[in-house]
Each structure stands twice: as structure tokens, then as C-alpha cells.
Amino acid sequence: MQIERNIAKNLIPLQKYAKLKHKKPYLFNFFKGKQEIFYLGVEHSKNPKNKQFSEIENWFNKFLNTHKKKDIVIILENYTPSLVLPKNEMIEKFGETGLVYFLAQKHNLKTICPEPSQKQILKFVKSRKNKTRNILLWIFLNIISNKFKLKEIKKLQDPFIKFSELNKIGADFNLARDYYISKEILKQLKSGYSVFAVFGVNHVICQEPVLRKWFWTN
């Protein structure tokens, strides 16, 4: 499957995102007739006492009361939890995804996790004209950085800054996720669903131009 350039070119790279000022949480909320996208960007947490979880649940219930269940799809970040525990335990184990999945299962709603495979991510990163040896080097440095927390290595592969070619590759790895996630959200919107999703704040902002364009042109 080829990379759709009209999607990729409208995503915001992390290096550009790092210069933006925005509120947290950040909400992208659009309507087209009765169809809605409610896409909330948050700082990740696994603390059930964090007030954002009660806010997410309130927004979820409002969304649920606005649309018919058959017209709703819930988009999950990172994974689909393999089990359903009590609400607070879902938050402690899976964070925002745990709460959203708990609520979706409670109300028998359709859920999708659009996260790409490693193969898809590499295909996207290669399509961005990155050299294979630099991609492999970034992967190696990322493993080392996560294991040993070395500042010098972190600077080389940090996707939020511009210090070397490797920083761009790191940004492209993140952009790959935004590409496949926004592509799946567009697919669901084109199928007539109303979409509810809670992701890390940078993903919502980086994908917003793609999704906003769809609402403006359809």
C-alpha cells in the first residue's frame, strides 16, 4: 500500500510542534451535520485521582448522549486492552486508553486501535528519503537511550529538536504513527461514524490539519 502524500504533507512534524504554544488538555471538536469528531489531547497519566479522568468520563457521557450507539466509533491509542478490570484499575494499568476502553465496553461501543505495525512505520520512514543506515543507527541509539538515559545520546535522537539528521528520523517515526492514525480516523469519518478519541496531546495537534481539511472540504 502506497503512502498517501495528501495526508502526509498536512501532518505537523514534531520539530515544528515543539515551537507551538497550546492549552492542555487540547480539544479538536468538529461537526458536520449530526456527525462529530471529539479528539482530546492530554498529558499521559495513570493516576485515577487526576482530574482529567473525571473530565474525560463527563465528555464521553455527553458524546454518548448526543449520538446513537451504532453511529459511534471509539479510537484507542497504543493498544486494545486484553482485559476489563474495575475502572480505577484500568486507569492504573492502561492510563487514558484504559478508561476509554472501560467506558466503551460498558456501553457496547465499537472500538478500533489504529496503531501501525513496525513494518508500516519503517515503510513510512523510508518514504521520507531517510538513508537506511541512519534509520538503523537511530533505532540503535533509541534503544541505548531508553536503557541508559544518556543525555548525549538523547540529544542525537530526540525527535523534538534539530541537531542532526537523526533528529529528523526520530520525528519521522512519530509522524508515521500520526499518518496511520489520522488515516484510520478519516476512514471512519468517511464511513459516517462519529469519532471519540483521547490521545497524547502532540498527536491531536499534529493530526489536526489533516482532519480539519476533511471537515472543510466535505
N, C-alpha and C. Protein backbone atom coordinates (compact mmCIF):
# COMPACT_ATOMS: atom_id res chain seq x y z
N MET A 1 0.85 -1.20 0.00
CA MET A 1 0.00 0.00 0.00
C MET A 1 0.88 1.24 0.00
N GLN A 2 0.60 2.15 -0.92
CA GLN A 2 1.42 3.35 -1.04
C GLN A 2 1.05 4.39 0.02
N ILE A 3 2.06 5.22 0.35
CA ILE A 3 1.82 6.32 1.28
C ILE A 3 1.01 7.40 0.57
N GLU A 4 -0.06 7.85 1.19
CA GLU A 4 -0.90 8.89 0.60
C GLU A 4 -0.31 10.26 0.93
N ARG A 5 0.29 10.88 -0.08
CA ARG A 5 1.03 12.13 0.14
C ARG A 5 0.14 13.26 0.61
N ASN A 6 -1.13 13.25 0.19
CA ASN A 6 -2.02 14.35 0.59
C ASN A 6 -2.30 14.32 2.08
N ILE A 7 -2.14 13.15 2.71
CA ILE A 7 -2.26 13.07 4.17
C ILE A 7 -0.93 13.44 4.81
N ALA A 8 0.14 12.81 4.34
CA ALA A 8 1.46 13.00 4.96
C ALA A 8 1.90 14.46 4.94
N LYS A 9 1.62 15.16 3.84
CA LYS A 9 2.11 16.54 3.72
C LYS A 9 1.39 17.51 4.64
N ASN A 10 0.23 17.14 5.15
CA ASN A 10 -0.53 18.04 6.02
C ASN A 10 -0.33 17.77 7.50
N LEU A 11 0.43 16.73 7.84
CA LEU A 11 0.74 16.47 9.24
C LEU A 11 1.80 17.45 9.74
N ILE A 12 1.77 17.77 11.01
CA ILE A 12 2.76 18.66 11.61
C ILE A 12 3.89 17.81 12.21
N PRO A 13 5.14 17.97 11.76
CA PRO A 13 6.26 17.22 12.36
C PRO A 13 6.51 17.69 13.79
N LEU A 14 7.09 16.81 14.60
CA LEU A 14 7.34 17.14 16.00
C LEU A 14 8.24 18.36 16.16
N GLN A 15 9.20 18.53 15.25
CA GLN A 15 10.12 19.66 15.38
C GLN A 15 9.40 20.99 15.20
N LYS A 16 8.34 20.98 14.42
CA LYS A 16 7.51 22.17 14.28
C LYS A 16 6.54 22.28 15.46
N TYR A 17 6.00 21.16 15.86
CA TYR A 17 5.08 21.14 17.01
C TYR A 17 5.75 21.71 18.26
N ALA A 18 7.04 21.41 18.44
CA ALA A 18 7.76 21.84 19.65
C ALA A 18 7.78 23.35 19.81
N LYS A 19 7.56 24.09 18.73
CA LYS A 19 7.58 25.55 18.77
C LYS A 19 6.19 26.16 19.00
N LEU A 20 5.17 25.30 18.99
CA LEU A 20 3.80 25.79 19.13
C LEU A 20 3.42 25.95 20.60
N LYS A 21 2.57 26.92 20.87
CA LYS A 21 2.01 27.11 22.20
C LYS A 21 0.54 26.68 22.16
N HIS A 22 0.12 25.91 23.15
CA HIS A 22 -1.25 25.41 23.15
C HIS A 22 -1.68 25.08 24.57
N LYS A 23 -2.97 24.94 24.74
CA LYS A 23 -3.53 24.59 26.03
C LYS A 23 -3.46 23.08 26.25
N LYS A 24 -3.46 22.68 27.51
CA LYS A 24 -3.54 21.27 27.88
C LYS A 24 -4.62 21.11 28.94
N PRO A 25 -5.60 20.26 28.75
CA PRO A 25 -5.79 19.42 27.57
C PRO A 25 -6.16 20.26 26.34
N TYR A 26 -6.00 19.64 25.16
CA TYR A 26 -6.28 20.31 23.90
C TYR A 26 -7.40 19.55 23.19
N LEU A 27 -8.42 20.29 22.79
CA LEU A 27 -9.58 19.63 22.18
C LEU A 27 -9.77 20.04 20.72
N PHE A 28 -9.87 19.02 19.85
CA PHE A 28 -10.27 19.22 18.46
C PHE A 28 -11.68 18.66 18.33
N ASN A 29 -12.66 19.52 18.13
CA ASN A 29 -14.06 19.13 18.13
C ASN A 29 -14.77 19.78 16.96
N PHE A 30 -15.20 18.97 15.98
CA PHE A 30 -15.86 19.48 14.79
C PHE A 30 -17.15 18.70 14.53
N PHE A 31 -18.10 19.37 13.89
CA PHE A 31 -19.36 18.76 13.50
C PHE A 31 -19.57 18.91 11.99
N LYS A 32 -20.24 17.92 11.42
CA LYS A 32 -20.74 18.04 10.05
C LYS A 32 -22.13 17.42 10.07
N GLY A 33 -23.15 18.27 10.15
CA GLY A 33 -24.49 17.77 10.36
C GLY A 33 -24.56 17.12 11.74
N LYS A 34 -25.01 15.87 11.79
CA LYS A 34 -25.08 15.14 13.06
C LYS A 34 -23.78 14.41 13.37
N GLN A 35 -22.86 14.40 12.43
CA GLN A 35 -21.60 13.69 12.63
C GLN A 35 -20.61 14.57 13.40
N GLU A 36 -19.84 13.94 14.29
CA GLU A 36 -18.94 14.70 15.17
C GLU A 36 -17.61 13.96 15.34
N ILE A 37 -16.54 14.74 15.49
CA ILE A 37 -15.29 14.20 15.99
C ILE A 37 -14.95 14.92 17.29
N PHE A 38 -14.72 14.13 18.33
CA PHE A 38 -14.29 14.65 19.63
C PHE A 38 -12.93 14.03 19.89
N TYR A 39 -11.87 14.83 19.68
CA TYR A 39 -10.50 14.31 19.73
C TYR A 39 -9.74 15.11 20.79
N LEU A 40 -9.51 14.48 21.93
CA LEU A 40 -8.93 15.16 23.08
C LEU A 40 -7.46 14.80 23.24
N GLY A 41 -6.61 15.82 23.38
CA GLY A 41 -5.19 15.62 23.62
C GLY A 41 -4.85 15.91 25.07
N VAL A 42 -4.18 14.97 25.74
CA VAL A 42 -3.89 15.11 27.17
C VAL A 42 -2.44 14.77 27.47
N GLU A 43 -2.01 15.12 28.68
CA GLU A 43 -0.75 14.64 29.22
C GLU A 43 -1.03 13.26 29.82
N HIS A 44 -0.23 12.27 29.47
CA HIS A 44 -0.50 10.91 29.93
C HIS A 44 -0.40 10.80 31.46
N SER A 45 -1.31 10.03 32.01
CA SER A 45 -1.33 9.80 33.45
C SER A 45 -1.92 8.43 33.74
N LYS A 46 -1.50 7.85 34.86
CA LYS A 46 -2.10 6.60 35.34
C LYS A 46 -2.57 6.76 36.78
N ASN A 47 -2.82 8.00 37.15
CA ASN A 47 -3.28 8.32 38.49
C ASN A 47 -4.80 8.57 38.45
N PRO A 48 -5.60 7.64 39.01
CA PRO A 48 -7.06 7.81 38.96
C PRO A 48 -7.55 9.10 39.59
N LYS A 49 -6.73 9.71 40.46
CA LYS A 49 -7.13 10.95 41.13
C LYS A 49 -6.91 12.18 40.26
N ASN A 50 -6.21 12.00 39.15
CA ASN A 50 -6.00 13.11 38.22
C ASN A 50 -7.37 13.56 37.69
N LYS A 51 -7.66 14.85 37.80
CA LYS A 51 -8.99 15.34 37.45
C LYS A 51 -9.34 15.14 35.99
N GLN A 52 -8.33 14.92 35.13
CA GLN A 52 -8.64 14.76 33.71
C GLN A 52 -9.47 13.50 33.46
N PHE A 53 -9.38 12.51 34.35
CA PHE A 53 -10.15 11.28 34.13
C PHE A 53 -11.64 11.49 34.35
N SER A 54 -12.00 12.27 35.36
CA SER A 54 -13.43 12.58 35.55
C SER A 54 -13.93 13.46 34.41
N GLU A 55 -13.07 14.35 33.91
CA GLU A 55 -13.45 15.20 32.78
C GLU A 55 -13.66 14.36 31.53
N ILE A 56 -12.75 13.40 31.29
CA ILE A 56 -12.89 12.53 30.13
C ILE A 56 -14.20 11.76 30.20
N GLU A 57 -14.52 11.23 31.38
CA GLU A 57 -15.76 10.46 31.54
C GLU A 57 -16.99 11.35 31.31
N ASN A 58 -16.95 12.58 31.79
CA ASN A 58 -18.07 13.50 31.56
C ASN A 58 -18.24 13.80 30.08
N TRP A 59 -17.13 14.05 29.38
CA TRP A 59 -17.19 14.30 27.94
C TRP A 59 -17.68 13.07 27.19
N PHE A 60 -17.23 11.91 27.61
CA PHE A 60 -17.66 10.65 26.99
C PHE A 60 -19.18 10.50 27.11
N ASN A 61 -19.70 10.72 28.31
CA ASN A 61 -21.14 10.55 28.53
C ASN A 61 -21.95 11.56 27.71
N LYS A 62 -21.44 12.78 27.59
CA LYS A 62 -22.12 13.78 26.78
C LYS A 62 -22.12 13.36 25.32
N PHE A 63 -20.98 12.84 24.85
CA PHE A 63 -20.87 12.35 23.47
C PHE A 63 -21.85 11.20 23.25
N LEU A 64 -21.91 10.28 24.20
CA LEU A 64 -22.79 9.12 24.11
C LEU A 64 -24.26 9.53 24.05
N ASN A 65 -24.61 10.59 24.76
CA ASN A 65 -25.99 11.06 24.76
C ASN A 65 -26.35 11.85 23.51
N THR A 66 -25.34 12.22 22.74
CA THR A 66 -25.56 13.03 21.52
C THR A 66 -25.78 12.16 20.29
N HIS A 67 -25.22 10.96 20.30
CA HIS A 67 -25.23 10.10 19.10
C HIS A 67 -25.80 8.71 19.41
N LYS A 68 -26.33 8.07 18.39
CA LYS A 68 -26.78 6.69 18.54
C LYS A 68 -25.55 5.77 18.64
N LYS A 69 -25.66 4.74 19.43
CA LYS A 69 -24.52 3.84 19.64
C LYS A 69 -23.99 3.26 18.32
N LYS A 70 -24.88 2.94 17.41
CA LYS A 70 -24.46 2.33 16.15
C LYS A 70 -23.68 3.30 15.27
N ASP A 71 -23.73 4.59 15.59
CA ASP A 71 -23.04 5.61 14.80
C ASP A 71 -21.73 6.05 15.44
N ILE A 72 -21.34 5.41 16.53
CA ILE A 72 -20.15 5.82 17.28
C ILE A 72 -19.01 4.82 17.08
N VAL A 73 -17.79 5.34 16.93
CA VAL A 73 -16.59 4.51 17.00
C VAL A 73 -15.61 5.16 17.95
N ILE A 74 -15.01 4.34 18.81
CA ILE A 74 -14.03 4.81 19.79
C ILE A 74 -12.64 4.43 19.29
N ILE A 75 -11.76 5.42 19.15
CA ILE A 75 -10.39 5.19 18.66
C ILE A 75 -9.46 5.11 19.87
N LEU A 76 -8.69 4.03 19.96
CA LEU A 76 -7.82 3.78 21.11
C LEU A 76 -6.35 4.02 20.77
N GLU A 77 -5.63 4.65 21.69
CA GLU A 77 -4.19 4.87 21.50
C GLU A 77 -3.39 3.68 22.03
N ASN A 78 -2.36 3.32 21.30
CA ASN A 78 -1.34 2.33 21.68
C ASN A 78 -1.77 0.88 21.53
N TYR A 79 -2.93 0.50 22.07
CA TYR A 79 -3.33 -0.90 22.06
C TYR A 79 -4.79 -1.03 22.48
N THR A 80 -5.33 -2.22 22.25
CA THR A 80 -6.63 -2.57 22.80
C THR A 80 -6.37 -3.42 24.04
N PRO A 81 -6.74 -2.94 25.22
CA PRO A 81 -6.50 -3.73 26.44
C PRO A 81 -7.03 -5.16 26.31
N SER A 82 -6.30 -6.09 26.87
CA SER A 82 -6.63 -7.51 26.74
C SER A 82 -7.67 -7.98 27.75
N LEU A 83 -8.03 -7.11 28.68
CA LEU A 83 -8.99 -7.47 29.72
C LEU A 83 -9.69 -6.21 30.22
N VAL A 84 -10.80 -6.42 30.93
CA VAL A 84 -11.53 -5.31 31.53
C VAL A 84 -11.54 -5.49 33.03
N LEU A 85 -10.95 -4.55 33.73
CA LEU A 85 -10.88 -4.53 35.19
C LEU A 85 -11.79 -3.43 35.73
N PRO A 86 -11.94 -3.29 37.04
CA PRO A 86 -12.65 -2.12 37.58
C PRO A 86 -12.01 -0.83 37.07
N LYS A 87 -12.80 0.22 37.00
CA LYS A 87 -12.40 1.46 36.34
C LYS A 87 -11.04 1.99 36.79
N ASN A 88 -10.86 2.14 38.10
CA ASN A 88 -9.59 2.70 38.59
C ASN A 88 -8.40 1.80 38.27
N GLU A 89 -8.61 0.50 38.27
CA GLU A 89 -7.53 -0.43 37.91
C GLU A 89 -7.19 -0.33 36.43
N MET A 90 -8.19 -0.08 35.60
CA MET A 90 -7.94 0.13 34.16
C MET A 90 -7.08 1.38 33.95
N ILE A 91 -7.35 2.42 34.73
CA ILE A 91 -6.57 3.65 34.63
C ILE A 91 -5.14 3.41 35.10
N GLU A 92 -4.99 2.71 36.23
CA GLU A 92 -3.65 2.45 36.77
C GLU A 92 -2.82 1.57 35.84
N LYS A 93 -3.46 0.70 35.10
CA LYS A 93 -2.74 -0.22 34.21
C LYS A 93 -2.55 0.34 32.81
N PHE A 94 -3.57 1.04 32.28
CA PHE A 94 -3.54 1.46 30.87
C PHE A 94 -3.70 2.96 30.66
N GLY A 95 -3.83 3.76 31.72
CA GLY A 95 -3.97 5.20 31.55
C GLY A 95 -5.27 5.59 30.88
N GLU A 96 -5.20 6.62 30.03
CA GLU A 96 -6.42 7.12 29.36
C GLU A 96 -7.06 6.05 28.48
N THR A 97 -6.24 5.25 27.82
CA THR A 97 -6.77 4.18 26.98
C THR A 97 -7.59 3.21 27.83
N GLY A 98 -7.12 2.94 29.04
CA GLY A 98 -7.85 2.04 29.92
C GLY A 98 -9.23 2.56 30.28
N LEU A 99 -9.31 3.85 30.61
CA LEU A 99 -10.60 4.43 30.95
C LEU A 99 -11.53 4.43 29.75
N VAL A 100 -11.04 4.87 28.61
CA VAL A 100 -11.88 4.96 27.41
C VAL A 100 -12.36 3.57 26.99
N TYR A 101 -11.49 2.57 27.06
CA TYR A 101 -11.88 1.21 26.71
C TYR A 101 -12.91 0.68 27.71
N PHE A 102 -12.71 0.97 28.99
CA PHE A 102 -13.67 0.56 30.02
C PHE A 102 -15.06 1.11 29.71
N LEU A 103 -15.13 2.40 29.38
CA LEU A 103 -16.41 3.04 29.08
C LEU A 103 -17.03 2.49 27.80
N ALA A 104 -16.18 2.24 26.80
CA ALA A 104 -16.67 1.69 25.53
C ALA A 104 -17.27 0.29 25.74
N GLN A 105 -16.58 -0.54 26.53
CA GLN A 105 -17.09 -1.88 26.79
C GLN A 105 -18.37 -1.83 27.62
N LYS A 106 -18.43 -0.91 28.55
CA LYS A 106 -19.62 -0.75 29.39
C LYS A 106 -20.86 -0.48 28.55
N HIS A 107 -20.67 0.28 27.47
CA HIS A 107 -21.81 0.68 26.63
C HIS A 107 -21.84 -0.05 25.29
N ASN A 108 -21.05 -1.10 25.14
CA ASN A 108 -21.05 -1.94 23.93
C ASN A 108 -20.82 -1.13 22.66
N LEU A 109 -19.76 -0.33 22.67
CA LEU A 109 -19.44 0.51 21.52
C LEU A 109 -18.31 -0.08 20.70
N LYS A 110 -18.31 0.23 19.43
CA LYS A 110 -17.26 -0.22 18.52
C LYS A 110 -15.94 0.47 18.88
N THR A 111 -14.86 -0.31 18.96
CA THR A 111 -13.54 0.26 19.23
C THR A 111 -12.55 -0.16 18.15
N ILE A 112 -11.62 0.73 17.85
CA ILE A 112 -10.55 0.45 16.88
C ILE A 112 -9.25 1.00 17.43
N CYS A 113 -8.18 0.22 17.33
CA CYS A 113 -6.84 0.72 17.63
C CYS A 113 -6.08 0.82 16.31
N PRO A 114 -5.82 2.04 15.85
CA PRO A 114 -5.24 2.24 14.51
C PRO A 114 -3.71 2.28 14.48
N GLU A 115 -3.08 1.88 15.58
CA GLU A 115 -1.61 1.97 15.64
C GLU A 115 -0.98 1.09 14.55
N PRO A 116 0.04 1.62 13.86
CA PRO A 116 0.68 0.87 12.77
C PRO A 116 1.63 -0.20 13.29
N SER A 117 1.91 -1.18 12.44
CA SER A 117 2.91 -2.20 12.74
C SER A 117 4.30 -1.61 12.54
N GLN A 118 5.31 -2.29 13.05
CA GLN A 118 6.69 -1.84 12.85
C GLN A 118 7.02 -1.80 11.35
N LYS A 119 6.50 -2.75 10.61
CA LYS A 119 6.73 -2.79 9.16
C LYS A 119 6.15 -1.54 8.49
N GLN A 120 4.96 -1.15 8.89
CA GLN A 120 4.32 0.05 8.32
C GLN A 120 5.11 1.30 8.69
N ILE A 121 5.56 1.36 9.94
CA ILE A 121 6.34 2.52 10.39
C ILE A 121 7.62 2.66 9.58
N LEU A 122 8.34 1.57 9.40
CA LEU A 122 9.59 1.61 8.64
C LEU A 122 9.34 2.01 7.18
N LYS A 123 8.25 1.52 6.62
CA LYS A 123 7.92 1.88 5.24
C LYS A 123 7.71 3.39 5.12
N PHE A 124 7.01 3.95 6.10
CA PHE A 124 6.76 5.39 6.07
C PHE A 124 8.06 6.16 6.23
N VAL A 125 8.88 5.77 7.21
CA VAL A 125 10.14 6.48 7.47
C VAL A 125 11.05 6.44 6.26
N LYS A 126 11.10 5.30 5.57
CA LYS A 126 11.92 5.18 4.35
C LYS A 126 11.37 6.07 3.24
N SER A 127 10.05 6.24 3.20
CA SER A 127 9.44 7.07 2.15
C SER A 127 9.79 8.54 2.33
N ARG A 128 10.32 8.91 3.51
CA ARG A 128 10.68 10.30 3.79
C ARG A 128 12.12 10.60 3.40
N LYS A 129 12.69 9.77 2.54
CA LYS A 129 14.03 9.96 1.97
C LYS A 129 15.13 9.91 3.03
N ASN A 130 14.94 9.07 4.03
CA ASN A 130 15.98 8.84 5.03
C ASN A 130 16.85 7.66 4.60
N LYS A 131 18.13 7.77 4.84
CA LYS A 131 19.05 6.70 4.48
C LYS A 131 18.88 5.53 5.45
N THR A 132 18.96 4.31 4.88
CA THR A 132 18.74 3.11 5.69
C THR A 132 19.71 3.03 6.85
N ARG A 133 20.99 3.36 6.61
CA ARG A 133 21.98 3.27 7.69
C ARG A 133 21.66 4.25 8.82
N ASN A 134 21.11 5.41 8.48
CA ASN A 134 20.75 6.37 9.52
C ASN A 134 19.51 5.91 10.30
N ILE A 135 18.59 5.26 9.60
CA ILE A 135 17.40 4.71 10.28
C ILE A 135 17.82 3.66 11.30
N LEU A 136 18.72 2.75 10.87
CA LEU A 136 19.21 1.70 11.77
C LEU A 136 19.98 2.30 12.95
N LEU A 137 20.74 3.34 12.67
CA LEU A 137 21.50 4.00 13.73
C LEU A 137 20.56 4.64 14.74
N TRP A 138 19.50 5.29 14.25
CA TRP A 138 18.53 5.91 15.16
C TRP A 138 17.87 4.86 16.04
N ILE A 139 17.49 3.73 15.47
CA ILE A 139 16.86 2.65 16.24
C ILE A 139 17.80 2.17 17.34
N PHE A 140 19.07 2.00 16.99
CA PHE A 140 20.07 1.55 17.96
C PHE A 140 20.23 2.58 19.09
N LEU A 141 20.36 3.85 18.71
CA LEU A 141 20.53 4.90 19.72
C LEU A 141 19.29 5.03 20.60
N ASN A 142 18.12 4.81 20.02
CA ASN A 142 16.89 4.90 20.80
C ASN A 142 16.84 3.81 21.86
N ILE A 143 17.28 2.62 21.50
CA ILE A 143 17.34 1.52 22.47
C ILE A 143 18.32 1.85 23.59
N ILE A 144 19.49 2.35 23.20
CA ILE A 144 20.51 2.70 24.19
C ILE A 144 20.01 3.83 25.10
N SER A 145 19.39 4.82 24.51
CA SER A 145 18.89 5.98 25.26
C SER A 145 17.84 5.56 26.29
N ASN A 146 16.94 4.69 25.88
CA ASN A 146 15.88 4.23 26.79
C ASN A 146 16.44 3.38 27.93
N LYS A 147 17.55 2.69 27.66
CA LYS A 147 18.11 1.78 28.66
C LYS A 147 19.03 2.49 29.64
N PHE A 148 19.83 3.44 29.14
CA PHE A 148 20.87 4.04 29.98
C PHE A 148 20.64 5.52 30.30
N LYS A 149 19.67 6.17 29.62
CA LYS A 149 19.32 7.56 29.91
C LYS A 149 20.52 8.50 29.77
N LEU A 150 21.28 8.36 28.70
CA LEU A 150 22.46 9.21 28.48
C LEU A 150 22.05 10.47 27.73
N LYS A 151 22.37 11.64 28.30
CA LYS A 151 21.95 12.91 27.71
C LYS A 151 22.52 13.12 26.31
N GLU A 152 23.77 12.73 26.09
CA GLU A 152 24.41 12.94 24.80
C GLU A 152 23.69 12.17 23.69
N ILE A 153 23.32 10.94 23.99
CA ILE A 153 22.61 10.11 23.01
C ILE A 153 21.19 10.63 22.82
N LYS A 154 20.56 11.04 23.92
CA LYS A 154 19.20 11.58 23.86
C LYS A 154 19.14 12.77 22.90
N LYS A 155 20.15 13.62 22.95
CA LYS A 155 20.18 14.79 22.08
C LYS A 155 20.28 14.39 20.62
N LEU A 156 21.02 13.33 20.32
CA LEU A 156 21.20 12.89 18.94
C LEU A 156 19.90 12.37 18.33
N GLN A 157 19.08 11.70 19.14
CA GLN A 157 17.90 11.06 18.56
C GLN A 157 16.58 11.70 18.99
N ASP A 158 16.65 12.78 19.77
CA ASP A 158 15.44 13.47 20.24
C ASP A 158 14.63 13.99 19.05
N PRO A 159 13.37 13.55 18.88
CA PRO A 159 12.57 13.97 17.72
C PRO A 159 12.03 15.39 17.79
N PHE A 160 12.20 16.05 18.96
CA PHE A 160 11.64 17.39 19.14
C PHE A 160 12.62 18.51 18.77
N ILE A 161 13.88 18.17 18.52
CA ILE A 161 14.87 19.21 18.24
C ILE A 161 15.55 18.98 16.89
N LYS A 162 16.27 20.00 16.43
CA LYS A 162 17.04 19.91 15.19
C LYS A 162 18.53 20.03 15.54
N PHE A 163 19.19 18.89 15.66
CA PHE A 163 20.62 18.87 15.99
C PHE A 163 21.41 18.09 14.95
N SER A 164 20.77 17.03 14.42
CA SER A 164 21.43 16.20 13.40
C SER A 164 20.37 15.56 12.52
N GLU A 165 20.79 14.83 11.49
CA GLU A 165 19.86 14.11 10.62
C GLU A 165 19.03 13.10 11.41
N LEU A 166 19.61 12.60 12.48
CA LEU A 166 18.92 11.58 13.26
C LEU A 166 17.69 12.14 13.96
N ASN A 167 17.72 13.41 14.31
CA ASN A 167 16.55 14.02 14.95
C ASN A 167 15.35 13.99 14.00
N LYS A 168 15.59 14.25 12.73
CA LYS A 168 14.51 14.21 11.74
C LYS A 168 13.96 12.80 11.62
N ILE A 169 14.84 11.81 11.67
CA ILE A 169 14.37 10.43 11.59
C ILE A 169 13.47 10.11 12.78
N GLY A 170 13.86 10.57 13.97
CA GLY A 170 13.03 10.38 15.14
C GLY A 170 11.66 11.03 14.96
N ALA A 171 11.65 12.22 14.40
CA ALA A 171 10.39 12.91 14.14
C ALA A 171 9.55 12.15 13.12
N ASP A 172 10.22 11.53 12.14
CA ASP A 172 9.50 10.76 11.11
C ASP A 172 8.90 9.48 11.68
N PHE A 173 9.54 8.88 12.67
CA PHE A 173 8.95 7.72 13.34
C PHE A 173 7.64 8.11 14.00
N ASN A 174 7.63 9.26 14.65
CA ASN A 174 6.40 9.74 15.27
C ASN A 174 5.36 10.13 14.22
N LEU A 175 5.85 10.74 13.13
CA LEU A 175 4.96 11.15 12.05
C LEU A 175 4.27 9.93 11.42
N ALA A 176 4.98 8.81 11.40
CA ALA A 176 4.40 7.57 10.87
C ALA A 176 3.16 7.17 11.66
N ARG A 177 3.26 7.26 12.99
CA ARG A 177 2.09 6.96 13.82
C ARG A 177 0.95 7.91 13.49
N ASP A 178 1.25 9.21 13.41
CA ASP A 178 0.21 10.19 13.11
C ASP A 178 -0.41 9.95 11.74
N TYR A 179 0.40 9.50 10.80
CA TYR A 179 -0.11 9.22 9.45
C TYR A 179 -1.15 8.10 9.50
N TYR A 180 -0.80 6.97 10.08
CA TYR A 180 -1.71 5.82 10.08
C TYR A 180 -2.91 6.04 10.99
N ILE A 181 -2.72 6.74 12.09
CA ILE A 181 -3.84 7.02 12.99
C ILE A 181 -4.84 7.96 12.31
N SER A 182 -4.34 9.05 11.73
CA SER A 182 -5.25 10.00 11.07
C SER A 182 -5.91 9.38 9.85
N LYS A 183 -5.19 8.50 9.16
CA LYS A 183 -5.77 7.81 8.00
C LYS A 183 -6.95 6.95 8.41
N GLU A 184 -6.82 6.24 9.54
CA GLU A 184 -7.92 5.40 10.03
C GLU A 184 -9.08 6.25 10.51
N ILE A 185 -8.80 7.36 11.18
CA ILE A 185 -9.87 8.25 11.62
C ILE A 185 -10.64 8.78 10.41
N LEU A 186 -9.93 9.17 9.36
CA LEU A 186 -10.58 9.64 8.14
C LEU A 186 -11.47 8.55 7.55
N LYS A 187 -10.98 7.32 7.57
CA LYS A 187 -11.75 6.19 7.04
C LYS A 187 -13.07 6.05 7.80
N GLN A 188 -13.02 6.19 9.12
CA GLN A 188 -14.23 6.06 9.94
C GLN A 188 -15.17 7.23 9.71
N LEU A 189 -14.62 8.43 9.55
CA LEU A 189 -15.45 9.60 9.26
C LEU A 189 -16.14 9.44 7.90
N LYS A 190 -15.39 8.98 6.92
CA LYS A 190 -15.96 8.78 5.58
C LYS A 190 -17.04 7.71 5.57
N SER A 191 -16.97 6.80 6.55
CA SER A 191 -17.99 5.74 6.68
C SER A 191 -19.22 6.22 7.45
N GLY A 192 -19.18 7.46 7.91
CA GLY A 192 -20.34 8.05 8.55
C GLY A 192 -20.35 7.99 10.07
N TYR A 193 -19.28 7.47 10.67
CA TYR A 193 -19.24 7.37 12.13
C TYR A 193 -18.90 8.71 12.78
N SER A 194 -19.38 8.88 14.01
CA SER A 194 -18.88 9.95 14.87
C SER A 194 -17.76 9.34 15.71
N VAL A 195 -16.67 10.11 15.85
CA VAL A 195 -15.44 9.57 16.43
C VAL A 195 -15.16 10.22 17.78
N PHE A 196 -14.84 9.37 18.78
CA PHE A 196 -14.39 9.82 20.08
C PHE A 196 -13.01 9.22 20.32
N ALA A 197 -12.04 10.07 20.69
CA ALA A 197 -10.68 9.58 20.92
C ALA A 197 -9.97 10.45 21.94
N VAL A 198 -9.09 9.82 22.72
CA VAL A 198 -8.23 10.52 23.67
C VAL A 198 -6.80 10.02 23.45
N PHE A 199 -5.91 10.94 23.04
CA PHE A 199 -4.52 10.60 22.74
C PHE A 199 -3.59 11.60 23.44
N GLY A 200 -2.30 11.31 23.38
CA GLY A 200 -1.32 12.28 23.82
C GLY A 200 -1.48 13.57 23.05
N VAL A 201 -1.29 14.71 23.73
CA VAL A 201 -1.65 16.00 23.14
C VAL A 201 -0.94 16.28 21.83
N ASN A 202 0.33 15.89 21.68
CA ASN A 202 1.05 16.20 20.45
C ASN A 202 0.43 15.51 19.24
N HIS A 203 -0.14 14.32 19.43
CA HIS A 203 -0.74 13.60 18.31
C HIS A 203 -1.98 14.33 17.78
N VAL A 204 -2.79 14.83 18.69
CA VAL A 204 -4.00 15.54 18.26
C VAL A 204 -3.63 16.79 17.47
N ILE A 205 -2.68 17.55 17.96
CA ILE A 205 -2.29 18.78 17.28
C ILE A 205 -1.60 18.49 15.94
N CYS A 206 -0.75 17.48 15.91
CA CYS A 206 -0.03 17.15 14.67
C CYS A 206 -0.96 16.61 13.59
N GLN A 207 -2.06 15.97 13.99
CA GLN A 207 -3.01 15.42 13.02
C GLN A 207 -4.12 16.41 12.65
N GLU A 208 -4.29 17.45 13.42
CA GLU A 208 -5.42 18.35 13.24
C GLU A 208 -5.55 18.91 11.82
N PRO A 209 -4.47 19.36 11.16
CA PRO A 209 -4.64 19.91 9.81
C PRO A 209 -5.26 18.91 8.82
N VAL A 210 -4.91 17.64 8.95
CA VAL A 210 -5.47 16.60 8.08
C VAL A 210 -6.96 16.46 8.31
N LEU A 211 -7.35 16.38 9.56
CA LEU A 211 -8.76 16.16 9.91
C LEU A 211 -9.60 17.41 9.66
N ARG A 212 -9.03 18.55 9.97
CA ARG A 212 -9.74 19.82 9.73
C ARG A 212 -10.03 20.00 8.24
N LYS A 213 -9.06 19.63 7.41
CA LYS A 213 -9.23 19.75 5.96
C LYS A 213 -10.40 18.92 5.47
N TRP A 214 -10.57 17.72 6.06
CA TRP A 214 -11.68 16.86 5.65
C TRP A 214 -13.02 17.51 5.98
N PHE A 215 -13.15 18.12 7.15
CA PHE A 215 -14.40 18.77 7.53
C PHE A 215 -14.66 20.00 6.67
N TRP A 216 -13.62 20.68 6.26
CA TRP A 216 -13.79 21.89 5.44
C TRP A 216 -14.15 21.57 4.00
N THR A 217 -13.71 20.43 3.48
CA THR A 217 -13.87 20.13 2.05
C THR A 217 -14.95 19.11 1.75
N ASN A 218 -15.63 18.59 2.78
CA ASN A 218 -16.66 17.59 2.55
C ASN A 218 -18.03 18.08 3.05
